[in-house]
Full PDB file with SEQRES, HELIX, SHEET, SSBOND, CRYST1, ORIGX, SCALE, CONECT and MASTER records, all heavy atoms in Angstrom:
SEQRES   1 A   43  VAL ASP HIS SER ILE ARG LYS VAL TYR ASN GLY TYR ASN          
SEQRES   2 A   43  GLY THR ASN PRO ASP ALA ALA SER ARG ALA ILE ASP TYR          
SEQRES   3 A   43  VAL GLN ARG GLN LEU ARG CYS CYS GLY ILE HIS ASN TYR          
SEQRES   4 A   43  SER ASP TRP GLU                                              
HELIX    1 AA1 ILE A    5  ASN A   10  1                                   6    
HELIX    2 AA2 ALA A   19  GLN A   30  1                                  12    
HELIX    3 AA3 TYR A   39  TRP A   42  5                                   4    
CRYST1    1.000    1.000    1.000  90.00  90.00  90.00 P 1           1          
ORIGX1      1.000000  0.000000  0.000000        0.00000                         
ORIGX2      0.000000  1.000000  0.000000        0.00000                         
ORIGX3      0.000000  0.000000  1.000000        0.00000                         
SCALE1      1.000000  0.000000  0.000000        0.00000                         
SCALE2      0.000000  1.000000  0.000000        0.00000                         
SCALE3      0.000000  0.000000  1.000000        0.00000                         
ATOM      1  N   VAL A   1      35.942  30.721  32.632  1.00  0.00           N  
ATOM      2  CA  VAL A   1      36.075  32.140  32.950  1.00  0.00           C  
ATOM      3  C   VAL A   1      37.565  32.417  32.890  1.00  0.00           C  
ATOM      4  O   VAL A   1      37.927  33.509  32.428  1.00  0.00           O  
ATOM      5  CB  VAL A   1      35.474  32.441  34.240  1.00  0.00           C  
ATOM      6  CG1 VAL A   1      35.748  33.876  34.631  1.00  0.00           C  
ATOM      7  CG2 VAL A   1      33.982  32.141  34.158  1.00  0.00           C  
ATOM      8  N   ASP A   2      38.454  31.587  33.600  1.00  0.00           N  
ATOM      9  CA  ASP A   2      39.902  31.899  33.606  1.00  0.00           C  
ATOM     10  C   ASP A   2      40.557  31.972  32.255  1.00  0.00           C  
ATOM     11  O   ASP A   2      41.366  32.846  32.117  1.00  0.00           O  
ATOM     12  CB  ASP A   2      40.607  30.794  34.423  1.00  0.00           C  
ATOM     13  CG  ASP A   2      41.941  31.062  34.656  1.00  0.00           C  
ATOM     14  OD1 ASP A   2      42.373  32.167  35.278  1.00  0.00           O  
ATOM     15  OD2 ASP A   2      42.756  30.289  34.226  1.00  0.00           O  
ATOM     16  N   HIS A   3      39.957  31.164  31.367  1.00  0.00           N  
ATOM     17  CA  HIS A   3      40.403  31.123  29.893  1.00  0.00           C  
ATOM     18  C   HIS A   3      40.118  32.412  29.118  1.00  0.00           C  
ATOM     19  O   HIS A   3      40.842  32.865  28.334  1.00  0.00           O  
ATOM     20  CB  HIS A   3      39.949  29.927  29.225  1.00  0.00           C  
ATOM     21  CG  HIS A   3      40.366  29.757  27.810  1.00  0.00           C  
ATOM     22  ND1 HIS A   3      39.599  30.125  26.674  1.00  0.00           N  
ATOM     23  CD2 HIS A   3      41.548  29.424  27.271  1.00  0.00           C  
ATOM     24  CE1 HIS A   3      40.291  30.040  25.656  1.00  0.00           C  
ATOM     25  NE2 HIS A   3      41.415  29.454  25.842  1.00  0.00           N  
ATOM     26  N   SER A   4      38.920  32.901  29.430  1.00  0.00           N  
ATOM     27  CA  SER A   4      38.285  34.062  28.595  1.00  0.00           C  
ATOM     28  C   SER A   4      38.490  35.536  29.217  1.00  0.00           C  
ATOM     29  O   SER A   4      38.483  36.349  28.502  1.00  0.00           O  
ATOM     30  CB  SER A   4      36.845  33.715  28.411  1.00  0.00           C  
ATOM     31  OG  SER A   4      36.605  32.535  27.866  1.00  0.00           O  
ATOM     32  N   ILE A   5      38.492  35.547  30.522  1.00  0.00           N  
ATOM     33  CA  ILE A   5      38.456  36.895  31.195  1.00  0.00           C  
ATOM     34  C   ILE A   5      39.580  37.797  30.837  1.00  0.00           C  
ATOM     35  O   ILE A   5      39.300  39.009  30.530  1.00  0.00           O  
ATOM     36  CB  ILE A   5      38.297  36.773  32.814  1.00  0.00           C  
ATOM     37  CG1 ILE A   5      37.841  38.109  33.297  1.00  0.00           C  
ATOM     38  CG2 ILE A   5      39.655  36.302  33.319  1.00  0.00           C  
ATOM     39  CD1 ILE A   5      37.352  37.847  34.729  1.00  0.00           C  
ATOM     40  N   ARG A   6      40.721  37.436  30.679  1.00  0.00           N  
ATOM     41  CA  ARG A   6      41.833  38.304  30.205  1.00  0.00           C  
ATOM     42  C   ARG A   6      41.630  38.881  28.895  1.00  0.00           C  
ATOM     43  O   ARG A   6      41.870  40.065  28.749  1.00  0.00           O  
ATOM     44  CB  ARG A   6      43.150  37.469  30.301  1.00  0.00           C  
ATOM     45  CG  ARG A   6      43.624  37.204  31.801  1.00  0.00           C  
ATOM     46  CD  ARG A   6      44.961  36.719  31.769  1.00  0.00           C  
ATOM     47  NE  ARG A   6      45.367  36.300  33.172  1.00  0.00           N  
ATOM     48  CZ  ARG A   6      45.807  37.269  34.047  1.00  0.00           C  
ATOM     49  NH1 ARG A   6      45.956  38.484  33.752  1.00  0.00           N  
ATOM     50  NH2 ARG A   6      46.063  36.845  35.288  1.00  0.00           N  
ATOM     51  N   LYS A   7      41.123  38.043  27.996  1.00  0.00           N  
ATOM     52  CA  LYS A   7      40.841  38.480  26.569  1.00  0.00           C  
ATOM     53  C   LYS A   7      39.780  39.519  26.516  1.00  0.00           C  
ATOM     54  O   LYS A   7      39.908  40.495  25.870  1.00  0.00           O  
ATOM     55  CB  LYS A   7      40.392  37.268  25.753  1.00  0.00           C  
ATOM     56  CG  LYS A   7      40.222  37.589  24.205  1.00  0.00           C  
ATOM     57  CD  LYS A   7      39.548  36.439  23.586  1.00  0.00           C  
ATOM     58  CE  LYS A   7      40.397  35.195  23.599  1.00  0.00           C  
ATOM     59  NZ  LYS A   7      39.795  34.001  22.914  1.00  0.00           N  
ATOM     60  N   VAL A   8      38.759  39.404  27.439  1.00  0.00           N  
ATOM     61  CA  VAL A   8      37.658  40.439  27.432  1.00  0.00           C  
ATOM     62  C   VAL A   8      38.190  41.677  28.110  1.00  0.00           C  
ATOM     63  O   VAL A   8      37.946  42.791  27.567  1.00  0.00           O  
ATOM     64  CB  VAL A   8      36.549  39.816  28.343  1.00  0.00           C  
ATOM     65  CG1 VAL A   8      35.412  40.809  28.500  1.00  0.00           C  
ATOM     66  CG2 VAL A   8      35.997  38.596  27.778  1.00  0.00           C  
ATOM     67  N   TYR A   9      38.952  41.627  29.176  1.00  0.00           N  
ATOM     68  CA  TYR A   9      39.473  42.841  29.721  1.00  0.00           C  
ATOM     69  C   TYR A   9      40.422  43.550  28.790  1.00  0.00           C  
ATOM     70  O   TYR A   9      40.418  44.778  28.795  1.00  0.00           O  
ATOM     71  CB  TYR A   9      40.151  42.447  31.002  1.00  0.00           C  
ATOM     72  CG  TYR A   9      39.199  42.698  32.225  1.00  0.00           C  
ATOM     73  CD1 TYR A   9      38.320  41.572  32.613  1.00  0.00           C  
ATOM     74  CD2 TYR A   9      39.161  43.797  33.056  1.00  0.00           C  
ATOM     75  CE1 TYR A   9      37.422  41.786  33.711  1.00  0.00           C  
ATOM     76  CE2 TYR A   9      38.238  43.961  34.099  1.00  0.00           C  
ATOM     77  CZ  TYR A   9      37.485  42.963  34.435  1.00  0.00           C  
ATOM     78  OH  TYR A   9      36.607  43.036  35.414  1.00  0.00           O  
ATOM     79  N   ASN A  10      41.306  42.854  28.074  1.00  0.00           N  
ATOM     80  CA  ASN A  10      42.314  43.509  27.199  1.00  0.00           C  
ATOM     81  C   ASN A  10      41.552  44.087  26.024  1.00  0.00           C  
ATOM     82  O   ASN A  10      42.093  44.911  25.342  1.00  0.00           O  
ATOM     83  CB  ASN A  10      43.241  42.306  26.777  1.00  0.00           C  
ATOM     84  CG  ASN A  10      44.576  43.062  26.384  1.00  0.00           C  
ATOM     85  OD1 ASN A  10      45.072  43.867  27.168  1.00  0.00           O  
ATOM     86  ND2 ASN A  10      45.158  42.534  25.335  1.00  0.00           N  
ATOM     87  N   GLY A  11      40.340  43.652  25.639  1.00  0.00           N  
ATOM     88  CA  GLY A  11      39.569  44.246  24.568  1.00  0.00           C  
ATOM     89  C   GLY A  11      38.624  45.397  24.945  1.00  0.00           C  
ATOM     90  O   GLY A  11      37.865  45.850  24.126  1.00  0.00           O  
ATOM     91  N   TYR A  12      38.836  45.774  26.122  1.00  0.00           N  
ATOM     92  CA  TYR A  12      37.901  46.968  26.677  1.00  0.00           C  
ATOM     93  C   TYR A  12      38.196  48.174  25.974  1.00  0.00           C  
ATOM     94  O   TYR A  12      39.363  48.515  25.706  1.00  0.00           O  
ATOM     95  CB  TYR A  12      38.188  47.067  28.147  1.00  0.00           C  
ATOM     96  CG  TYR A  12      37.257  48.223  28.855  1.00  0.00           C  
ATOM     97  CD1 TYR A  12      36.088  47.829  29.250  1.00  0.00           C  
ATOM     98  CD2 TYR A  12      37.776  49.481  28.961  1.00  0.00           C  
ATOM     99  CE1 TYR A  12      35.237  48.840  29.827  1.00  0.00           C  
ATOM    100  CE2 TYR A  12      36.935  50.392  29.555  1.00  0.00           C  
ATOM    101  CZ  TYR A  12      35.669  50.090  30.126  1.00  0.00           C  
ATOM    102  OH  TYR A  12      34.891  51.045  30.671  1.00  0.00           O  
ATOM    103  N   ASN A  13      37.141  48.890  25.555  1.00  0.00           N  
ATOM    104  CA  ASN A  13      37.194  50.237  24.954  1.00  0.00           C  
ATOM    105  C   ASN A  13      36.263  51.140  25.510  1.00  0.00           C  
ATOM    106  O   ASN A  13      35.208  51.180  25.228  1.00  0.00           O  
ATOM    107  CB  ASN A  13      36.968  50.079  23.478  1.00  0.00           C  
ATOM    108  CG  ASN A  13      37.111  51.218  22.552  1.00  0.00           C  
ATOM    109  OD1 ASN A  13      37.428  52.275  23.107  1.00  0.00           O  
ATOM    110  ND2 ASN A  13      37.206  51.157  21.269  1.00  0.00           N  
ATOM    111  N   GLY A  14      36.893  51.985  26.467  1.00  0.00           N  
ATOM    112  CA  GLY A  14      36.026  52.884  27.243  1.00  0.00           C  
ATOM    113  C   GLY A  14      35.439  53.946  26.420  1.00  0.00           C  
ATOM    114  O   GLY A  14      34.461  54.634  26.808  1.00  0.00           O  
ATOM    115  N   THR A  15      36.111  54.502  25.308  1.00  0.00           N  
ATOM    116  CA  THR A  15      35.573  55.644  24.654  1.00  0.00           C  
ATOM    117  C   THR A  15      34.468  55.305  23.675  1.00  0.00           C  
ATOM    118  O   THR A  15      33.597  56.118  23.452  1.00  0.00           O  
ATOM    119  CB  THR A  15      36.811  56.148  23.804  1.00  0.00           C  
ATOM    120  OG1 THR A  15      37.246  55.300  22.893  1.00  0.00           O  
ATOM    121  CG2 THR A  15      37.893  56.686  24.704  1.00  0.00           C  
ATOM    122  N   ASN A  16      34.470  54.082  23.248  1.00  0.00           N  
ATOM    123  CA  ASN A  16      33.318  53.702  22.360  1.00  0.00           C  
ATOM    124  C   ASN A  16      32.997  52.229  22.681  1.00  0.00           C  
ATOM    125  O   ASN A  16      33.353  51.325  21.945  1.00  0.00           O  
ATOM    126  CB  ASN A  16      33.785  53.866  20.787  1.00  0.00           C  
ATOM    127  CG  ASN A  16      32.630  53.386  19.857  1.00  0.00           C  
ATOM    128  OD1 ASN A  16      31.480  53.587  20.329  1.00  0.00           O  
ATOM    129  ND2 ASN A  16      32.987  52.999  18.596  1.00  0.00           N  
ATOM    130  N   PRO A  17      32.248  52.053  23.756  1.00  0.00           N  
ATOM    131  CA  PRO A  17      32.124  50.707  24.366  1.00  0.00           C  
ATOM    132  C   PRO A  17      31.391  49.797  23.461  1.00  0.00           C  
ATOM    133  O   PRO A  17      30.346  50.173  22.939  1.00  0.00           O  
ATOM    134  CB  PRO A  17      31.358  50.997  25.597  1.00  0.00           C  
ATOM    135  CG  PRO A  17      31.455  52.447  25.946  1.00  0.00           C  
ATOM    136  CD  PRO A  17      31.728  53.121  24.594  1.00  0.00           C  
ATOM    137  N   ASP A  18      31.928  48.601  23.167  1.00  0.00           N  
ATOM    138  CA  ASP A  18      31.121  47.561  22.424  1.00  0.00           C  
ATOM    139  C   ASP A  18      30.388  46.659  23.482  1.00  0.00           C  
ATOM    140  O   ASP A  18      30.346  47.008  24.743  1.00  0.00           O  
ATOM    141  CB  ASP A  18      32.091  46.828  21.649  1.00  0.00           C  
ATOM    142  CG  ASP A  18      33.297  46.243  22.465  1.00  0.00           C  
ATOM    143  OD1 ASP A  18      33.229  46.180  23.670  1.00  0.00           O  
ATOM    144  OD2 ASP A  18      34.229  45.745  21.763  1.00  0.00           O  
ATOM    145  N   ALA A  19      29.841  45.611  22.985  1.00  0.00           N  
ATOM    146  CA  ALA A  19      29.115  44.706  24.026  1.00  0.00           C  
ATOM    147  C   ALA A  19      29.957  44.190  25.177  1.00  0.00           C  
ATOM    148  O   ALA A  19      29.578  44.110  26.241  1.00  0.00           O  
ATOM    149  CB  ALA A  19      28.410  43.537  23.199  1.00  0.00           C  
ATOM    150  N   ALA A  20      31.194  43.812  24.855  1.00  0.00           N  
ATOM    151  CA  ALA A  20      32.080  43.135  25.733  1.00  0.00           C  
ATOM    152  C   ALA A  20      32.452  44.243  26.733  1.00  0.00           C  
ATOM    153  O   ALA A  20      32.511  43.935  27.974  1.00  0.00           O  
ATOM    154  CB  ALA A  20      33.306  42.637  25.009  1.00  0.00           C  
ATOM    155  N   SER A  21      32.660  45.442  26.395  1.00  0.00           N  
ATOM    156  CA  SER A  21      33.060  46.529  27.257  1.00  0.00           C  
ATOM    157  C   SER A  21      31.818  46.820  28.202  1.00  0.00           C  
ATOM    158  O   SER A  21      32.097  47.059  29.484  1.00  0.00           O  
ATOM    159  CB  SER A  21      33.350  47.746  26.562  1.00  0.00           C  
ATOM    160  OG  SER A  21      34.619  47.480  25.701  1.00  0.00           O  
ATOM    161  N   ARG A  22      30.676  46.894  27.619  1.00  0.00           N  
ATOM    162  CA  ARG A  22      29.416  47.160  28.436  1.00  0.00           C  
ATOM    163  C   ARG A  22      29.287  46.037  29.453  1.00  0.00           C  
ATOM    164  O   ARG A  22      28.852  46.144  30.595  1.00  0.00           O  
ATOM    165  CB  ARG A  22      28.277  47.200  27.600  1.00  0.00           C  
ATOM    166  CG  ARG A  22      28.143  48.566  26.858  1.00  0.00           C  
ATOM    167  CD  ARG A  22      26.816  48.828  26.295  1.00  0.00           C  
ATOM    168  NE  ARG A  22      26.387  47.812  25.367  1.00  0.00           N  
ATOM    169  CZ  ARG A  22      26.565  47.659  24.142  1.00  0.00           C  
ATOM    170  NH1 ARG A  22      27.238  48.674  23.436  1.00  0.00           N  
ATOM    171  NH2 ARG A  22      26.139  46.655  23.330  1.00  0.00           N  
ATOM    172  N   ALA A  23      29.659  44.791  29.104  1.00  0.00           N  
ATOM    173  CA  ALA A  23      29.582  43.640  29.980  1.00  0.00           C  
ATOM    174  C   ALA A  23      30.524  43.787  31.163  1.00  0.00           C  
ATOM    175  O   ALA A  23      30.116  43.493  32.333  1.00  0.00           O  
ATOM    176  CB  ALA A  23      29.838  42.356  29.338  1.00  0.00           C  
ATOM    177  N   ILE A  24      31.671  44.321  30.856  1.00  0.00           N  
ATOM    178  CA  ILE A  24      32.666  44.531  32.007  1.00  0.00           C  
ATOM    179  C   ILE A  24      32.189  45.512  32.973  1.00  0.00           C  
ATOM    180  O   ILE A  24      32.220  45.336  34.089  1.00  0.00           O  
ATOM    181  CB  ILE A  24      34.006  44.916  31.428  1.00  0.00           C  
ATOM    182  CG1 ILE A  24      34.695  43.807  30.698  1.00  0.00           C  
ATOM    183  CG2 ILE A  24      34.988  45.496  32.611  1.00  0.00           C  
ATOM    184  CD1 ILE A  24      35.968  44.067  29.952  1.00  0.00           C  
ATOM    185  N   ASP A  25      31.709  46.632  32.402  1.00  0.00           N  
ATOM    186  CA  ASP A  25      31.155  47.666  33.335  1.00  0.00           C  
ATOM    187  C   ASP A  25      30.020  47.307  34.056  1.00  0.00           C  
ATOM    188  O   ASP A  25      29.851  47.520  35.289  1.00  0.00           O  
ATOM    189  CB  ASP A  25      30.696  48.919  32.561  1.00  0.00           C  
ATOM    190  CG  ASP A  25      31.953  49.766  32.002  1.00  0.00           C  
ATOM    191  OD1 ASP A  25      33.031  49.720  32.676  1.00  0.00           O  
ATOM    192  OD2 ASP A  25      31.875  50.345  30.880  1.00  0.00           O  
ATOM    193  N   TYR A  26      29.172  46.485  33.403  1.00  0.00           N  
ATOM    194  CA  TYR A  26      27.916  45.951  34.253  1.00  0.00           C  
ATOM    195  C   TYR A  26      28.433  45.005  35.250  1.00  0.00           C  
ATOM    196  O   TYR A  26      27.890  45.093  36.410  1.00  0.00           O  
ATOM    197  CB  TYR A  26      27.157  45.086  33.123  1.00  0.00           C  
ATOM    198  CG  TYR A  26      25.965  44.296  33.859  1.00  0.00           C  
ATOM    199  CD1 TYR A  26      24.766  45.025  34.245  1.00  0.00           C  
ATOM    200  CD2 TYR A  26      26.122  43.135  34.193  1.00  0.00           C  
ATOM    201  CE1 TYR A  26      23.671  44.242  34.796  1.00  0.00           C  
ATOM    202  CE2 TYR A  26      25.189  42.379  34.921  1.00  0.00           C  
ATOM    203  CZ  TYR A  26      23.873  42.955  35.158  1.00  0.00           C  
ATOM    204  OH  TYR A  26      22.884  42.369  35.851  1.00  0.00           O  
ATOM    205  N   VAL A  27      29.388  44.094  34.994  1.00  0.00           N  
ATOM    206  CA  VAL A  27      29.836  43.118  35.981  1.00  0.00           C  
ATOM    207  C   VAL A  27      30.430  43.769  37.146  1.00  0.00           C  
ATOM    208  O   VAL A  27      30.254  43.492  38.385  1.00  0.00           O  
ATOM    209  CB  VAL A  27      30.730  42.035  35.500  1.00  0.00           C  
ATOM    210  CG1 VAL A  27      31.453  41.308  36.516  1.00  0.00           C  
ATOM    211  CG2 VAL A  27      29.974  41.090  34.532  1.00  0.00           C  
ATOM    212  N   GLN A  28      31.316  44.860  36.906  1.00  0.00           N  
ATOM    213  CA  GLN A  28      31.989  45.573  37.910  1.00  0.00           C  
ATOM    214  C   GLN A  28      31.135  46.266  38.924  1.00  0.00           C  
ATOM    215  O   GLN A  28      31.302  46.298  40.004  1.00  0.00           O  
ATOM    216  CB  GLN A  28      33.078  46.339  37.340  1.00  0.00           C  
ATOM    217  CG  GLN A  28      34.286  45.695  36.694  1.00  0.00           C  
ATOM    218  CD  GLN A  28      35.380  46.491  36.305  1.00  0.00           C  
ATOM    219  OE1 GLN A  28      36.538  46.069  36.320  1.00  0.00           O  
ATOM    220  NE2 GLN A  28      35.263  47.848  35.965  1.00  0.00           N  
ATOM    221  N   ARG A  29      30.009  46.917  38.242  1.00  0.00           N  
ATOM    222  CA  ARG A  29      29.105  47.582  39.183  1.00  0.00           C  
ATOM    223  C   ARG A  29      28.162  46.468  39.851  1.00  0.00           C  
ATOM    224  O   ARG A  29      27.868  46.690  41.050  1.00  0.00           O  
ATOM    225  CB  ARG A  29      28.237  48.442  38.274  1.00  0.00           C  
ATOM    226  CG  ARG A  29      28.860  49.621  37.685  1.00  0.00           C  
ATOM    227  CD  ARG A  29      27.883  50.714  37.095  1.00  0.00           C  
ATOM    228  NE  ARG A  29      28.534  51.882  36.613  1.00  0.00           N  
ATOM    229  CZ  ARG A  29      28.826  52.098  35.327  1.00  0.00           C  
ATOM    230  NH1 ARG A  29      28.474  51.121  34.334  1.00  0.00           N  
ATOM    231  NH2 ARG A  29      29.568  53.169  34.976  1.00  0.00           N  
ATOM    232  N   GLN A  30      27.674  45.557  39.230  1.00  0.00           N  
ATOM    233  CA  GLN A  30      26.803  44.615  39.712  1.00  0.00           C  
ATOM    234  C   GLN A  30      27.418  43.792  40.909  1.00  0.00           C  
ATOM    235  O   GLN A  30      26.779  43.582  41.905  1.00  0.00           O  
ATOM    236  CB  GLN A  30      26.260  43.677  38.685  1.00  0.00           C  
ATOM    237  CG  GLN A  30      25.058  42.849  39.033  1.00  0.00           C  
ATOM    238  CD  GLN A  30      23.778  43.601  39.127  1.00  0.00           C  
ATOM    239  OE1 GLN A  30      23.650  44.737  38.708  1.00  0.00           O  
ATOM    240  NE2 GLN A  30      22.700  43.084  39.773  1.00  0.00           N  
ATOM    241  N   LEU A  31      28.617  43.319  40.638  1.00  0.00           N  
ATOM    242  CA  LEU A  31      29.242  42.458  41.626  1.00  0.00           C  
ATOM    243  C   LEU A  31      30.230  43.238  42.530  1.00  0.00           C  
ATOM    244  O   LEU A  31      30.875  42.679  43.455  1.00  0.00           O  
ATOM    245  CB  LEU A  31      30.032  41.378  40.861  1.00  0.00           C  
ATOM    246  CG  LEU A  31      29.272  40.404  40.011  1.00  0.00           C  
ATOM    247  CD1 LEU A  31      30.209  39.257  39.296  1.00  0.00           C  
ATOM    248  CD2 LEU A  31      28.122  39.793  40.654  1.00  0.00           C  
ATOM    249  N   ARG A  32      30.362  44.558  42.327  1.00  0.00           N  
ATOM    250  CA  ARG A  32      31.148  45.374  43.189  1.00  0.00           C  
ATOM    251  C   ARG A  32      32.631  44.909  43.182  1.00  0.00           C  
ATOM    252  O   ARG A  32      33.134  44.654  44.224  1.00  0.00           O  
ATOM    253  CB  ARG A  32      30.610  45.542  44.488  1.00  0.00           C  
ATOM    254  CG  ARG A  32      29.155  46.107  44.548  1.00  0.00           C  
ATOM    255  CD  ARG A  32      28.610  46.388  45.918  1.00  0.00           C  
ATOM    256  NE  ARG A  32      27.326  47.084  45.762  1.00  0.00           N  
ATOM    257  CZ  ARG A  32      26.644  47.657  46.796  1.00  0.00           C  
ATOM    258  NH1 ARG A  32      27.291  47.702  48.020  1.00  0.00           N  
ATOM    259  NH2 ARG A  32      25.543  48.227  46.657  1.00  0.00           N  
ATOM    260  N   CYS A  33      33.238  44.937  42.039  1.00  0.00           N  
ATOM    261  CA  CYS A  33      34.541  44.284  41.792  1.00  0.00           C  
ATOM    262  C   CYS A  33      35.248  45.221  40.826  1.00  0.00           C  
ATOM    263  O   CYS A  33      34.730  46.021  40.100  1.00  0.00           O  
ATOM    264  CB  CYS A  33      34.573  42.819  41.491  1.00  0.00           C  
ATOM    265  SG  CYS A  33      33.767  42.604  39.810  1.00  0.00           S  
ATOM    266  N   CYS A  34      36.645  45.042  40.763  1.00  0.00           N  
ATOM    267  CA  CYS A  34      37.409  45.811  39.795  1.00  0.00           C  
ATOM    268  C   CYS A  34      38.669  44.940  39.368  1.00  0.00           C  
ATOM    269  O   CYS A  34      39.381  44.501  40.202  1.00  0.00           O  
ATOM    270  CB  CYS A  34      37.844  47.075  40.566  1.00  0.00           C  
ATOM    271  SG  CYS A  34      38.877  48.191  39.422  1.00  0.00           S  
ATOM    272  N   GLY A  35      38.777  44.896  38.064  1.00  0.00           N  
ATOM    273  CA  GLY A  35      39.896  44.053  37.565  1.00  0.00           C  
ATOM    274  C   GLY A  35      39.694  42.571  37.570  1.00  0.00           C  
ATOM    275  O   GLY A  35      38.443  42.115  37.945  1.00  0.00           O  
ATOM    276  N   ILE A  36      40.687  41.845  37.203  1.00  0.00           N  
ATOM    277  CA  ILE A  36      40.434  40.333  37.229  1.00  0.00           C  
ATOM    278  C   ILE A  36      40.686  39.726  38.727  1.00  0.00           C  
ATOM    279  O   ILE A  36      39.858  39.181  39.240  1.00  0.00           O  
ATOM    280  CB  ILE A  36      41.456  39.765  36.336  1.00  0.00           C  
ATOM    281  CG1 ILE A  36      41.231  40.236  34.912  1.00  0.00           C  
ATOM    282  CG2 ILE A  36      41.442  38.234  36.395  1.00  0.00           C  
ATOM    283  CD1 ILE A  36      42.202  39.757  33.826  1.00  0.00           C  
ATOM    284  N   HIS A  37      41.810  40.195  39.324  1.00  0.00           N  
ATOM    285  CA  HIS A  37      42.173  39.826  40.700  1.00  0.00           C  
ATOM    286  C   HIS A  37      41.985  40.889  41.641  1.00  0.00           C  
ATOM    287  O   HIS A  37      41.619  40.784  42.787  1.00  0.00           O  
ATOM    288  CB  HIS A  37      43.538  39.147  40.796  1.00  0.00           C  
ATOM    289  CG  HIS A  37      43.668  37.949  39.937  1.00  0.00           C  
ATOM    290  ND1 HIS A  37      44.369  37.951  38.712  1.00  0.00           N  
ATOM    291  CD2 HIS A  37      43.171  36.720  40.006  1.00  0.00           C  
ATOM    292  CE1 HIS A  37      44.404  36.810  38.196  1.00  0.00           C  
ATOM    293  NE2 HIS A  37      43.525  35.918  38.889  1.00  0.00           N  
ATOM    294  N   ASN A  38      42.315  42.130  41.053  1.00  0.00           N  
ATOM    295  CA  ASN A  38      42.163  43.425  41.860  1.00  0.00           C  
ATOM    296  C   ASN A  38      42.262  44.618  40.859  1.00  0.00           C  
ATOM    297  O   ASN A  38      42.606  44.396  39.551  1.00  0.00           O  
ATOM    298  CB  ASN A  38      43.065  43.588  43.017  1.00  0.00           C  
ATOM    299  CG  ASN A  38      44.519  43.362  42.643  1.00  0.00           C  
ATOM    300  OD1 ASN A  38      45.156  44.174  41.678  1.00  0.00           O  
ATOM    301  ND2 ASN A  38      45.237  42.377  43.173  1.00  0.00           N  
ATOM    302  N   TYR A  39      42.099  45.789  41.286  1.00  0.00           N  
ATOM    303  CA  TYR A  39      42.114  46.904  40.356  1.00  0.00           C  
ATOM    304  C   TYR A  39      43.493  47.143  39.620  1.00  0.00           C  
ATOM    305  O   TYR A  39      43.583  47.705  38.538  1.00  0.00           O  
ATOM    306  CB  TYR A  39      41.874  48.191  41.190  1.00  0.00           C  
ATOM    307  CG  TYR A  39      42.729  48.598  42.198  1.00  0.00           C  
ATOM    308  CD1 TYR A  39      43.927  49.080  42.086  1.00  0.00           C  
ATOM    309  CD2 TYR A  39      42.145  48.301  43.593  1.00  0.00           C  
ATOM    310  CE1 TYR A  39      44.777  49.485  43.193  1.00  0.00           C  
ATOM    311  CE2 TYR A  39      43.040  48.480  44.625  1.00  0.00           C  
ATOM    312  CZ  TYR A  39      44.276  49.197  44.458  1.00  0.00           C  
ATOM    313  OH  TYR A  39      45.108  49.475  45.568  1.00  0.00           O  
ATOM    314  N   SER A  40      44.635  46.637  40.161  1.00  0.00           N  
ATOM    315  CA  SER A  40      45.898  46.803  39.561  1.00  0.00           C  
ATOM    316  C   SER A  40      46.025  45.963  38.220  1.00  0.00           C  
ATOM    317  O   SER A  40      46.837  46.347  37.390  1.00  0.00           O  
ATOM    318  CB  SER A  40      47.018  46.351  40.512  1.00  0.00           C  
ATOM    319  OG  SER A  40      46.983  44.921  40.716  1.00  0.00           O  
ATOM    320  N   ASP A  41      45.192  45.133  37.986  1.00  0.00           N  
ATOM    321  CA  ASP A  41      45.054  44.367  36.647  1.00  0.00           C  
ATOM    322  C   ASP A  41      44.884  45.257  35.424  1.00  0.00           C  
ATOM    323  O   ASP A  41      45.283  44.892  34.363  1.00  0.00           O  
ATOM    324  CB  ASP A  41      44.131  43.233  36.713  1.00  0.00           C  
ATOM    325  CG  ASP A  41      44.462  42.122  37.611  1.00  0.00           C  
ATOM    326  OD1 ASP A  41      45.604  41.762  37.790  1.00  0.00           O  
ATOM    327  OD2 ASP A  41      43.419  41.613  38.275  1.00  0.00           O  
ATOM    328  N   TRP A  42      44.180  46.426  35.759  1.00  0.00           N  
ATOM    329  CA  TRP A  42      43.788  47.314  34.739  1.00  0.00           C  
ATOM    330  C   TRP A  42      45.111  47.925  34.106  1.00  0.00           C  
ATOM    331  O   TRP A  42      45.115  48.331  32.857  1.00  0.00           O  
ATOM    332  CB  TRP A  42      42.966  48.374  35.125  1.00  0.00           C  
ATOM    333  CG  TRP A  42      41.444  48.068  35.175  1.00  0.00           C  
ATOM    334  CD1 TRP A  42      40.685  47.710  36.217  1.00  0.00           C  
ATOM    335  CD2 TRP A  42      40.676  47.940  33.964  1.00  0.00           C  
ATOM    336  NE1 TRP A  42      39.455  47.401  35.874  1.00  0.00           N  
ATOM    337  CE2 TRP A  42      39.310  47.462  34.470  1.00  0.00           C  
ATOM    338  CE3 TRP A  42      40.820  48.148  32.673  1.00  0.00           C  
ATOM    339  CZ2 TRP A  42      38.359  47.450  33.617  1.00  0.00           C  
ATOM    340  CZ3 TRP A  42      39.818  47.837  31.765  1.00  0.00           C  
ATOM    341  CH2 TRP A  42      38.515  47.489  32.259  1.00  0.00           C  
ATOM    342  N   GLU A  43      46.169  47.948  34.783  1.00  0.00           N  
ATOM    343  CA  GLU A  43      47.400  48.561  34.300  1.00  0.00           C  
ATOM    344  C   GLU A  43      48.017  47.795  33.198  1.00  0.00           C  
ATOM    345  O   GLU A  43      48.887  48.279  32.403  1.00  0.00           O  
ATOM    346  CB  GLU A  43      48.401  48.706  35.445  1.00  0.00           C  
ATOM    347  CG  GLU A  43      48.032  49.628  36.655  1.00  0.00           C  
ATOM    348  CD  GLU A  43      49.090  49.618  37.712  1.00  0.00           C  
ATOM    349  OE1 GLU A  43      50.233  49.954  37.454  1.00  0.00           O  
ATOM    350  OE2 GLU A  43      48.668  49.349  38.914  1.00  0.00           O  
TER     351      GLU A  43                                                      
MASTER        0    0    0    3    0    0    0    6  350    1    0    4          
END                                                                             
């Protein structure tokens, strides 16, 4: 997970979500989390 998660977050496309982007949104809602370590990672 540590090896892959940054690549997944960096490939996020909120305007036209692909499967990976939907996976991020699903995980953040389901697990009630934001970012890799915290919300500031999105910057």
